[in-house]
Structures are given as C-alpha cells and as structure tokens.
Amino acid sequence: PARIVCDPRYANVLTFVDCDYLKLDHLVFGHSDGEGSCTGNAISLIYSWNVEIVDCDIYGCGAYGLNIDDCNSVAINDSLIHDCTYGCAVVSDSNITMNYTEFYDCKEFTMFEVYESNIDFTGCVFEDLEGVFMNDLDEYSEVNLICCTLDDAVAASIEENAAYDDGLYVY
C-alpha cells in the first residue's frame, strides 16, 4: 500500500474539508518516528459526506487516529487504528459506522470522545487501550457495539461507568 507519513509531527497527516464521495482505500497514514510526542491527528474529516475509508492502516503517534467533525455517512471498514497518544477517535456532530476495524495500542486519555453523534461499531476489535474507553455521552449521542470483541480492560471500563447506560449499547 501507499504510505503517507507526516513530518512535522504537530500537523495532521491528512485533512479533508467539505468533501463528498471521498474514498481512501488500502493506504497507510501516520506520523514520522521520533522522540517526544506529536499533537496532530492522523486523519481529520470536517464537514464531509459519503466518506469511505477501507483497508487502511492509521497510526500515531498522532493525538487521535481520527478526528471527524460535522460529517454524515462516514464508514471506516476493515482498517487498523493504533499507536495513537491521546486516543482512537474524536467524533462531533456526525453519523458514522465502523465495521470490522481493529483499535489497539492507543493510550493516555479518552479512547473515543463522542459529542452529539451516532456511531455503530460492527465486528470491531478493541485491545490494549490504555485510558478511559469513552467520555460520558450527551443526550444527543448513541453508540452501538454490535458483535465486537472487547479485551478485559475495555469490558471493565464499560461495565464500571454508569454514565454509559444512557447511550452506549453492547449487543
């Protein structure tokens, strides 16, 4: 696959604004190796529709693997999101699906920050995530985990947070 590696590490690897019918297929996105931490996200989608990310490898050390803001009909399919320093994704004012995607080796803060958004995870794998699984969901958000694989730490994080009872559903 083609590799897109960003240096300086404080920038987003790729940012897409006001896109319609965008497809990213079989690509590798990430930040260059180096000491310290970086503050850019791997992929930022802003005010976009009908976006499909398929069979991509999205890695840090980026702040988040995905930053999705004010988007509709975004699908992340059969991809890997890993080694991000703040968490896996920030999703605001969006409707997205994540299918058969693996999230692993992310650390530090909140793995999924969700604000006024709907997310369906289907057949996803969550492993070795060091941090809070998800923020407390607002009344406008709903997150569904459908036939997903959760390691013990993720399952415990979900079970221990009573705030998830109103918006996070595990099937």
N, C-alpha and C. Protein backbone atom coordinates (compact mmCIF):
# COMPACT_ATOMS: atom_id res chain seq x y z
N PRO A 1 0.83 -1.20 0.00
CA PRO A 1 0.00 0.00 0.00
C PRO A 1 0.87 1.27 0.00
N ALA A 2 0.32 2.34 -0.49
CA ALA A 2 1.00 3.63 -0.44
C ALA A 2 1.07 4.10 1.01
N ARG A 3 2.17 4.76 1.37
CA ARG A 3 2.38 5.27 2.72
C ARG A 3 2.39 6.79 2.68
N ILE A 4 1.64 7.40 3.58
CA ILE A 4 1.64 8.85 3.73
C ILE A 4 2.09 9.13 5.16
N VAL A 5 3.32 9.64 5.29
CA VAL A 5 3.92 9.87 6.59
C VAL A 5 4.18 11.36 6.76
N CYS A 6 3.73 11.92 7.87
CA CYS A 6 3.79 13.35 8.10
C CYS A 6 4.95 13.71 9.03
N ASP A 7 5.71 14.70 8.60
CA ASP A 7 6.72 15.33 9.42
C ASP A 7 6.66 16.80 9.06
N PRO A 8 6.28 17.73 9.86
CA PRO A 8 6.37 17.72 11.31
C PRO A 8 5.23 16.96 11.98
N ARG A 9 5.52 16.51 13.16
CA ARG A 9 4.58 15.66 13.87
C ARG A 9 3.48 16.43 14.59
N TYR A 10 3.50 17.74 14.57
CA TYR A 10 2.43 18.52 15.18
C TYR A 10 1.28 18.78 14.20
N ALA A 11 1.43 18.38 12.95
CA ALA A 11 0.40 18.61 11.93
C ALA A 11 -0.45 17.36 11.75
N ASN A 12 -1.68 17.54 11.25
CA ASN A 12 -2.49 16.40 10.85
C ASN A 12 -1.82 15.75 9.63
N VAL A 13 -1.88 14.42 9.54
CA VAL A 13 -1.33 13.76 8.36
C VAL A 13 -2.13 14.18 7.13
N LEU A 14 -3.44 14.02 7.18
CA LEU A 14 -4.32 14.47 6.10
C LEU A 14 -5.57 15.10 6.69
N THR A 15 -6.00 16.20 6.09
CA THR A 15 -7.23 16.86 6.48
C THR A 15 -8.09 17.03 5.24
N PHE A 16 -9.35 16.64 5.35
CA PHE A 16 -10.30 16.79 4.25
C PHE A 16 -11.46 17.66 4.74
N VAL A 17 -11.75 18.72 4.00
CA VAL A 17 -12.81 19.65 4.38
C VAL A 17 -13.80 19.77 3.22
N ASP A 18 -15.09 19.67 3.54
CA ASP A 18 -16.16 19.87 2.56
C ASP A 18 -16.04 18.92 1.37
N CYS A 19 -15.89 17.63 1.69
CA CYS A 19 -15.78 16.60 0.65
C CYS A 19 -17.08 15.82 0.52
N ASP A 20 -17.33 15.32 -0.67
CA ASP A 20 -18.47 14.46 -0.91
C ASP A 20 -18.00 13.32 -1.81
N TYR A 21 -18.35 12.09 -1.43
CA TYR A 21 -17.95 10.89 -2.17
C TYR A 21 -16.43 10.75 -2.23
N LEU A 22 -15.82 10.71 -1.05
CA LEU A 22 -14.38 10.50 -0.90
C LEU A 22 -14.15 9.05 -0.49
N LYS A 23 -13.21 8.38 -1.13
CA LYS A 23 -12.87 7.01 -0.75
C LYS A 23 -11.35 6.90 -0.61
N LEU A 24 -10.90 6.45 0.56
CA LEU A 24 -9.50 6.17 0.82
C LEU A 24 -9.38 4.67 0.97
N ASP A 25 -8.60 4.03 0.11
CA ASP A 25 -8.58 2.57 0.04
C ASP A 25 -7.14 2.06 0.04
N HIS A 26 -6.86 1.16 0.97
CA HIS A 26 -5.59 0.44 1.01
C HIS A 26 -4.40 1.40 1.12
N LEU A 27 -4.44 2.27 2.14
CA LEU A 27 -3.40 3.26 2.38
C LEU A 27 -2.88 3.14 3.81
N VAL A 28 -1.68 3.66 4.04
CA VAL A 28 -1.09 3.72 5.37
C VAL A 28 -0.87 5.19 5.70
N PHE A 29 -1.41 5.65 6.85
CA PHE A 29 -1.28 7.05 7.28
C PHE A 29 -0.63 7.08 8.64
N GLY A 30 0.32 7.98 8.86
CA GLY A 30 0.88 8.13 10.19
C GLY A 30 1.89 9.24 10.29
N HIS A 31 2.44 9.40 11.49
CA HIS A 31 3.47 10.39 11.76
C HIS A 31 4.84 9.74 11.76
N SER A 32 5.85 10.52 11.46
CA SER A 32 7.22 10.02 11.46
C SER A 32 7.64 9.59 12.87
N ASP A 33 8.60 8.71 12.93
CA ASP A 33 9.16 8.28 14.20
C ASP A 33 10.00 9.41 14.78
N GLY A 34 10.10 9.42 16.09
CA GLY A 34 10.95 10.41 16.73
C GLY A 34 10.67 10.48 18.21
N GLU A 35 11.51 11.21 18.91
CA GLU A 35 11.36 11.37 20.36
C GLU A 35 10.27 12.37 20.67
N GLY A 36 9.68 12.24 21.83
CA GLY A 36 8.64 13.17 22.25
C GLY A 36 7.29 12.73 21.73
N SER A 37 6.36 13.65 21.82
CA SER A 37 5.01 13.32 21.36
C SER A 37 4.61 14.26 20.24
N CYS A 38 3.59 13.88 19.52
CA CYS A 38 3.09 14.77 18.47
C CYS A 38 1.66 15.16 18.80
N THR A 39 1.21 16.23 18.21
CA THR A 39 -0.11 16.75 18.55
C THR A 39 -1.09 16.72 17.38
N GLY A 40 -0.67 16.28 16.23
CA GLY A 40 -1.55 16.21 15.07
C GLY A 40 -2.32 14.90 15.04
N ASN A 41 -3.48 14.93 14.41
CA ASN A 41 -4.26 13.72 14.21
C ASN A 41 -3.80 13.03 12.93
N ALA A 42 -4.09 11.75 12.81
CA ALA A 42 -3.74 11.06 11.57
C ALA A 42 -4.67 11.53 10.44
N ILE A 43 -5.98 11.42 10.62
CA ILE A 43 -6.93 11.85 9.59
C ILE A 43 -7.98 12.75 10.23
N SER A 44 -8.22 13.91 9.62
CA SER A 44 -9.30 14.80 10.05
C SER A 44 -10.28 14.95 8.89
N LEU A 45 -11.54 14.71 9.20
CA LEU A 45 -12.64 14.90 8.24
C LEU A 45 -13.54 15.99 8.81
N ILE A 46 -13.76 17.04 8.03
CA ILE A 46 -14.56 18.15 8.50
C ILE A 46 -15.60 18.50 7.45
N TYR A 47 -16.84 18.58 7.88
CA TYR A 47 -17.96 18.96 7.02
C TYR A 47 -17.95 18.18 5.70
N SER A 48 -18.02 16.86 5.83
CA SER A 48 -17.93 15.99 4.65
C SER A 48 -19.02 14.92 4.70
N TRP A 49 -19.35 14.37 3.51
CA TRP A 49 -20.41 13.38 3.38
C TRP A 49 -19.92 12.23 2.51
N ASN A 50 -20.53 11.06 2.74
CA ASN A 50 -20.29 9.89 1.89
C ASN A 50 -18.79 9.58 1.78
N VAL A 51 -18.17 9.41 2.94
CA VAL A 51 -16.75 9.12 3.00
C VAL A 51 -16.58 7.66 3.38
N GLU A 52 -15.69 6.97 2.68
CA GLU A 52 -15.39 5.58 2.99
C GLU A 52 -13.88 5.41 3.12
N ILE A 53 -13.49 4.85 4.25
CA ILE A 53 -12.08 4.51 4.49
C ILE A 53 -12.03 2.99 4.58
N VAL A 54 -11.31 2.37 3.65
CA VAL A 54 -11.33 0.91 3.52
C VAL A 54 -9.90 0.36 3.56
N ASP A 55 -9.71 -0.66 4.38
CA ASP A 55 -8.44 -1.40 4.41
C ASP A 55 -7.25 -0.46 4.57
N CYS A 56 -7.36 0.47 5.52
CA CYS A 56 -6.29 1.42 5.79
C CYS A 56 -5.63 1.11 7.13
N ASP A 57 -4.38 1.48 7.24
CA ASP A 57 -3.59 1.36 8.48
C ASP A 57 -3.33 2.79 8.95
N ILE A 58 -3.97 3.17 10.04
CA ILE A 58 -3.91 4.54 10.55
C ILE A 58 -3.23 4.47 11.91
N TYR A 59 -2.07 5.14 12.04
CA TYR A 59 -1.32 5.02 13.27
C TYR A 59 -0.82 6.38 13.75
N GLY A 60 -0.41 6.40 15.03
CA GLY A 60 0.15 7.61 15.64
C GLY A 60 1.59 7.75 15.29
N CYS A 61 2.26 8.47 16.03
CA CYS A 61 1.97 8.86 17.40
C CYS A 61 0.93 9.97 17.49
N GLY A 62 0.16 10.15 16.49
CA GLY A 62 -0.80 11.25 16.43
C GLY A 62 -1.67 11.36 17.66
N ALA A 63 -2.16 12.56 17.91
CA ALA A 63 -3.04 12.76 19.05
C ALA A 63 -4.19 11.75 18.99
N TYR A 64 -4.94 11.78 17.90
CA TYR A 64 -6.00 10.80 17.66
C TYR A 64 -5.85 10.23 16.25
N GLY A 65 -6.28 9.01 16.07
CA GLY A 65 -6.25 8.41 14.74
C GLY A 65 -7.24 9.10 13.82
N LEU A 66 -8.42 9.39 14.35
CA LEU A 66 -9.48 10.02 13.55
C LEU A 66 -10.05 11.22 14.29
N ASN A 67 -10.24 12.30 13.57
CA ASN A 67 -10.99 13.45 14.06
C ASN A 67 -12.09 13.69 13.03
N ILE A 68 -13.34 13.47 13.43
CA ILE A 68 -14.47 13.57 12.50
C ILE A 68 -15.44 14.60 13.06
N ASP A 69 -15.65 15.69 12.30
CA ASP A 69 -16.46 16.79 12.78
C ASP A 69 -17.47 17.22 11.72
N ASP A 70 -18.74 17.19 12.08
CA ASP A 70 -19.83 17.64 11.22
C ASP A 70 -19.86 16.88 9.89
N CYS A 71 -19.86 15.55 10.01
CA CYS A 71 -19.85 14.67 8.83
C CYS A 71 -21.05 13.73 8.88
N ASN A 72 -21.44 13.25 7.70
CA ASN A 72 -22.56 12.32 7.61
C ASN A 72 -22.20 11.22 6.63
N SER A 73 -22.64 10.02 6.92
CA SER A 73 -22.38 8.85 6.08
C SER A 73 -20.89 8.59 5.91
N VAL A 74 -20.22 8.46 7.04
CA VAL A 74 -18.80 8.10 7.05
C VAL A 74 -18.71 6.65 7.47
N ALA A 75 -17.97 5.84 6.71
CA ALA A 75 -17.78 4.42 7.03
C ALA A 75 -16.29 4.12 7.05
N ILE A 76 -15.85 3.53 8.16
CA ILE A 76 -14.48 3.05 8.27
C ILE A 76 -14.58 1.53 8.29
N ASN A 77 -14.03 0.87 7.27
CA ASN A 77 -14.20 -0.57 7.09
C ASN A 77 -12.85 -1.29 7.01
N ASP A 78 -12.76 -2.43 7.71
CA ASP A 78 -11.61 -3.33 7.60
C ASP A 78 -10.29 -2.60 7.75
N SER A 79 -10.19 -1.73 8.73
CA SER A 79 -8.99 -0.92 8.91
C SER A 79 -8.36 -1.15 10.28
N LEU A 80 -7.18 -0.59 10.47
CA LEU A 80 -6.45 -0.65 11.73
C LEU A 80 -6.23 0.78 12.22
N ILE A 81 -6.51 1.02 13.50
CA ILE A 81 -6.21 2.31 14.12
C ILE A 81 -5.44 1.99 15.39
N HIS A 82 -4.19 2.47 15.44
CA HIS A 82 -3.33 2.04 16.55
C HIS A 82 -2.21 3.04 16.85
N ASP A 83 -1.65 2.86 18.05
CA ASP A 83 -0.47 3.60 18.50
C ASP A 83 -0.66 5.11 18.50
N CYS A 84 -1.85 5.56 18.89
CA CYS A 84 -2.11 7.00 19.00
C CYS A 84 -1.94 7.42 20.46
N THR A 85 -1.43 8.63 20.68
CA THR A 85 -1.05 9.02 22.03
C THR A 85 -2.19 9.59 22.87
N TYR A 86 -3.27 10.09 22.29
CA TYR A 86 -4.37 10.62 23.08
C TYR A 86 -5.56 9.67 23.09
N GLY A 87 -5.79 8.96 22.01
CA GLY A 87 -6.93 8.06 21.90
C GLY A 87 -7.17 7.69 20.45
N CYS A 88 -8.24 6.95 20.21
CA CYS A 88 -8.54 6.45 18.87
C CYS A 88 -9.26 7.46 18.00
N ALA A 89 -10.31 8.12 18.53
CA ALA A 89 -11.12 8.99 17.68
C ALA A 89 -11.85 10.05 18.50
N VAL A 90 -12.04 11.20 17.87
CA VAL A 90 -12.93 12.25 18.36
C VAL A 90 -13.99 12.42 17.29
N VAL A 91 -15.26 12.29 17.67
CA VAL A 91 -16.37 12.38 16.72
C VAL A 91 -17.37 13.41 17.24
N SER A 92 -17.61 14.45 16.45
CA SER A 92 -18.53 15.52 16.84
C SER A 92 -19.55 15.76 15.73
N ASP A 93 -20.81 15.89 16.12
CA ASP A 93 -21.89 16.24 15.18
C ASP A 93 -21.86 15.40 13.92
N SER A 94 -21.73 14.08 14.06
CA SER A 94 -21.55 13.20 12.91
C SER A 94 -22.32 11.90 13.07
N ASN A 95 -22.57 11.23 11.94
CA ASN A 95 -23.14 9.89 11.91
C ASN A 95 -22.17 9.00 11.15
N ILE A 96 -21.64 7.99 11.85
CA ILE A 96 -20.61 7.16 11.23
C ILE A 96 -20.82 5.68 11.58
N THR A 97 -20.21 4.83 10.76
CA THR A 97 -20.14 3.40 11.05
C THR A 97 -18.68 2.98 10.98
N MET A 98 -18.34 2.05 11.85
CA MET A 98 -17.01 1.44 11.83
C MET A 98 -17.23 -0.06 11.82
N ASN A 99 -16.78 -0.70 10.74
CA ASN A 99 -17.04 -2.11 10.53
C ASN A 99 -15.74 -2.89 10.43
N TYR A 100 -15.63 -3.93 11.25
CA TYR A 100 -14.50 -4.86 11.19
C TYR A 100 -13.17 -4.13 11.24
N THR A 101 -13.10 -3.15 12.12
CA THR A 101 -11.90 -2.35 12.30
C THR A 101 -11.29 -2.69 13.66
N GLU A 102 -9.96 -2.73 13.72
CA GLU A 102 -9.25 -3.05 14.95
C GLU A 102 -8.66 -1.77 15.54
N PHE A 103 -8.88 -1.59 16.84
CA PHE A 103 -8.33 -0.47 17.60
C PHE A 103 -7.41 -1.06 18.66
N TYR A 104 -6.14 -0.67 18.65
CA TYR A 104 -5.22 -1.26 19.63
C TYR A 104 -4.03 -0.34 19.90
N ASP A 105 -3.41 -0.57 21.05
CA ASP A 105 -2.19 0.10 21.48
C ASP A 105 -2.29 1.62 21.47
N CYS A 106 -3.46 2.16 21.78
CA CYS A 106 -3.61 3.61 21.97
C CYS A 106 -3.59 3.86 23.48
N LYS A 107 -3.18 5.06 23.88
CA LYS A 107 -3.00 5.28 25.31
C LYS A 107 -3.23 6.73 25.71
N GLU A 108 -3.20 6.93 26.98
CA GLU A 108 -3.19 8.23 27.65
C GLU A 108 -4.54 8.69 28.13
N PHE A 109 -5.44 9.11 27.26
CA PHE A 109 -6.63 9.82 27.71
C PHE A 109 -7.90 9.05 27.39
N THR A 110 -8.83 9.66 26.70
CA THR A 110 -10.10 9.03 26.36
C THR A 110 -9.99 8.43 24.97
N MET A 111 -10.28 7.16 24.85
CA MET A 111 -10.11 6.48 23.56
C MET A 111 -11.10 6.96 22.51
N PHE A 112 -12.35 7.17 22.91
CA PHE A 112 -13.37 7.66 21.98
C PHE A 112 -14.09 8.84 22.64
N GLU A 113 -13.93 10.01 22.06
CA GLU A 113 -14.66 11.19 22.50
C GLU A 113 -15.80 11.39 21.52
N VAL A 114 -17.03 11.36 22.02
CA VAL A 114 -18.22 11.41 21.16
C VAL A 114 -19.13 12.53 21.64
N TYR A 115 -19.44 13.44 20.73
CA TYR A 115 -20.29 14.59 21.05
C TYR A 115 -21.36 14.74 19.98
N GLU A 116 -22.63 14.69 20.40
CA GLU A 116 -23.77 14.86 19.50
C GLU A 116 -23.62 14.04 18.22
N SER A 117 -23.32 12.76 18.40
CA SER A 117 -23.04 11.88 17.26
C SER A 117 -23.63 10.50 17.47
N ASN A 118 -23.79 9.80 16.36
CA ASN A 118 -24.22 8.40 16.38
C ASN A 118 -23.14 7.56 15.72
N ILE A 119 -22.74 6.50 16.43
CA ILE A 119 -21.70 5.61 15.90
C ILE A 119 -22.17 4.17 16.07
N ASP A 120 -22.07 3.40 14.99
CA ASP A 120 -22.28 1.95 15.05
C ASP A 120 -20.94 1.28 14.78
N PHE A 121 -20.46 0.51 15.78
CA PHE A 121 -19.29 -0.33 15.61
C PHE A 121 -19.80 -1.74 15.37
N THR A 122 -19.45 -2.36 14.27
CA THR A 122 -19.88 -3.73 13.99
C THR A 122 -18.66 -4.60 13.74
N GLY A 123 -18.54 -5.68 14.52
CA GLY A 123 -17.44 -6.63 14.33
C GLY A 123 -16.06 -6.04 14.59
N CYS A 124 -15.98 -4.99 15.39
CA CYS A 124 -14.70 -4.34 15.67
C CYS A 124 -13.99 -5.03 16.83
N VAL A 125 -12.69 -4.82 16.91
CA VAL A 125 -11.85 -5.38 17.97
C VAL A 125 -11.23 -4.22 18.73
N PHE A 126 -11.33 -4.27 20.08
CA PHE A 126 -10.75 -3.25 20.96
C PHE A 126 -9.78 -3.95 21.90
N GLU A 127 -8.47 -3.66 21.75
CA GLU A 127 -7.44 -4.33 22.57
C GLU A 127 -6.38 -3.35 23.00
N ASP A 128 -5.86 -3.57 24.21
CA ASP A 128 -4.71 -2.82 24.71
C ASP A 128 -4.90 -1.31 24.57
N LEU A 129 -6.05 -0.84 25.01
CA LEU A 129 -6.34 0.58 25.02
C LEU A 129 -6.15 1.07 26.45
N GLU A 130 -5.18 1.96 26.66
CA GLU A 130 -4.84 2.42 28.00
C GLU A 130 -5.43 3.80 28.25
N GLY A 131 -6.59 3.83 28.81
CA GLY A 131 -7.28 5.08 29.11
C GLY A 131 -8.75 4.79 29.27
N VAL A 132 -9.52 5.82 29.53
CA VAL A 132 -10.96 5.68 29.64
C VAL A 132 -11.50 5.31 28.26
N PHE A 133 -12.42 4.36 28.20
CA PHE A 133 -12.92 3.92 26.90
C PHE A 133 -13.66 5.04 26.17
N MET A 134 -14.57 5.74 26.87
CA MET A 134 -15.38 6.75 26.20
C MET A 134 -15.78 7.82 27.21
N ASN A 135 -15.97 9.05 26.72
CA ASN A 135 -16.47 10.11 27.57
C ASN A 135 -17.92 9.83 27.94
N ASP A 136 -18.44 10.55 28.92
CA ASP A 136 -19.86 10.45 29.25
C ASP A 136 -20.63 11.02 28.06
N LEU A 137 -21.56 10.25 27.55
CA LEU A 137 -22.29 10.65 26.35
C LEU A 137 -23.36 11.69 26.68
N ASP A 138 -23.51 12.66 25.79
CA ASP A 138 -24.56 13.65 25.95
C ASP A 138 -25.89 13.05 25.48
N GLU A 139 -26.96 13.77 25.70
CA GLU A 139 -28.30 13.25 25.37
C GLU A 139 -28.54 13.11 23.87
N TYR A 140 -27.66 13.64 23.04
CA TYR A 140 -27.83 13.59 21.59
C TYR A 140 -26.97 12.50 20.93
N SER A 141 -26.28 11.72 21.72
CA SER A 141 -25.36 10.72 21.17
C SER A 141 -25.85 9.31 21.47
N GLU A 142 -25.53 8.42 20.54
CA GLU A 142 -25.78 6.99 20.74
C GLU A 142 -24.64 6.22 20.10
N VAL A 143 -24.12 5.25 20.85
CA VAL A 143 -23.03 4.40 20.36
C VAL A 143 -23.46 2.95 20.54
N ASN A 144 -23.36 2.17 19.46
CA ASN A 144 -23.73 0.76 19.48
C ASN A 144 -22.50 -0.08 19.19
N LEU A 145 -22.22 -1.05 20.05
CA LEU A 145 -21.16 -2.03 19.82
C LEU A 145 -21.86 -3.34 19.47
N ILE A 146 -21.77 -3.73 18.20
CA ILE A 146 -22.51 -4.87 17.70
C ILE A 146 -21.52 -5.98 17.33
N CYS A 147 -21.60 -7.11 18.01
CA CYS A 147 -20.73 -8.25 17.74
C CYS A 147 -19.25 -7.87 17.76
N CYS A 148 -18.86 -7.04 18.71
CA CYS A 148 -17.47 -6.59 18.82
C CYS A 148 -16.72 -7.46 19.82
N THR A 149 -15.40 -7.46 19.72
CA THR A 149 -14.53 -8.16 20.65
C THR A 149 -13.86 -7.13 21.55
N LEU A 150 -14.06 -7.26 22.86
CA LEU A 150 -13.51 -6.34 23.84
C LEU A 150 -12.53 -7.08 24.73
N ASP A 151 -11.33 -6.54 24.93
CA ASP A 151 -10.45 -7.18 25.90
C ASP A 151 -10.98 -6.89 27.30
N ASP A 152 -10.41 -7.52 28.31
CA ASP A 152 -10.93 -7.41 29.67
C ASP A 152 -10.95 -5.98 30.19
N ALA A 153 -9.91 -5.19 29.87
CA ALA A 153 -9.84 -3.82 30.36
C ALA A 153 -10.95 -2.95 29.74
N VAL A 154 -11.21 -3.11 28.46
CA VAL A 154 -12.27 -2.35 27.81
C VAL A 154 -13.63 -2.76 28.37
N ALA A 155 -13.85 -4.05 28.51
CA ALA A 155 -15.13 -4.53 29.06
C ALA A 155 -15.34 -3.99 30.47
N ALA A 156 -14.29 -3.98 31.29
CA ALA A 156 -14.39 -3.46 32.66
C ALA A 156 -14.68 -1.96 32.65
N SER A 157 -14.04 -1.22 31.75
CA SER A 157 -14.27 0.22 31.65
C SER A 157 -15.73 0.51 31.32
N ILE A 158 -16.31 -0.29 30.44
CA ILE A 158 -17.71 -0.10 30.06
C ILE A 158 -18.63 -0.46 31.22
N GLU A 159 -18.36 -1.58 31.88
CA GLU A 159 -19.22 -2.03 32.98
C GLU A 159 -19.16 -1.09 34.18
N GLU A 160 -18.01 -0.47 34.43
CA GLU A 160 -17.84 0.37 35.61
C GLU A 160 -18.39 1.77 35.46
N ASN A 161 -18.69 2.20 34.25
CA ASN A 161 -19.13 3.57 34.04
C ASN A 161 -20.65 3.61 33.85
N ALA A 162 -21.35 3.98 34.89
CA ALA A 162 -22.82 4.03 34.86
C ALA A 162 -23.32 5.07 33.86
N ALA A 163 -22.51 6.05 33.53
CA ALA A 163 -22.93 7.09 32.58
C ALA A 163 -23.16 6.52 31.19
N TYR A 164 -22.60 5.37 30.92
CA TYR A 164 -22.80 4.76 29.60
C TYR A 164 -24.19 4.17 29.44
N ASP A 165 -24.92 4.01 30.53
CA ASP A 165 -26.24 3.38 30.46
C ASP A 165 -27.21 4.14 29.56
N ASP A 166 -26.98 5.39 29.36
CA ASP A 166 -27.86 6.21 28.52
C ASP A 166 -27.17 6.58 27.22
N GLY A 167 -26.93 5.61 26.36
CA GLY A 167 -26.38 5.95 25.07
C GLY A 167 -25.36 4.98 24.50
N LEU A 168 -24.77 4.14 25.35
CA LEU A 168 -23.83 3.13 24.86
C LEU A 168 -24.49 1.76 25.03
N TYR A 169 -24.62 1.04 23.91
CA TYR A 169 -25.29 -0.24 23.94
C TYR A 169 -24.38 -1.31 23.36
N VAL A 170 -24.31 -2.45 24.06
CA VAL A 170 -23.47 -3.55 23.64
C VAL A 170 -24.38 -4.72 23.27
N TYR A 171 -24.24 -5.20 22.03
CA TYR A 171 -25.07 -6.30 21.54
C TYR A 171 -24.19 -7.47 21.19
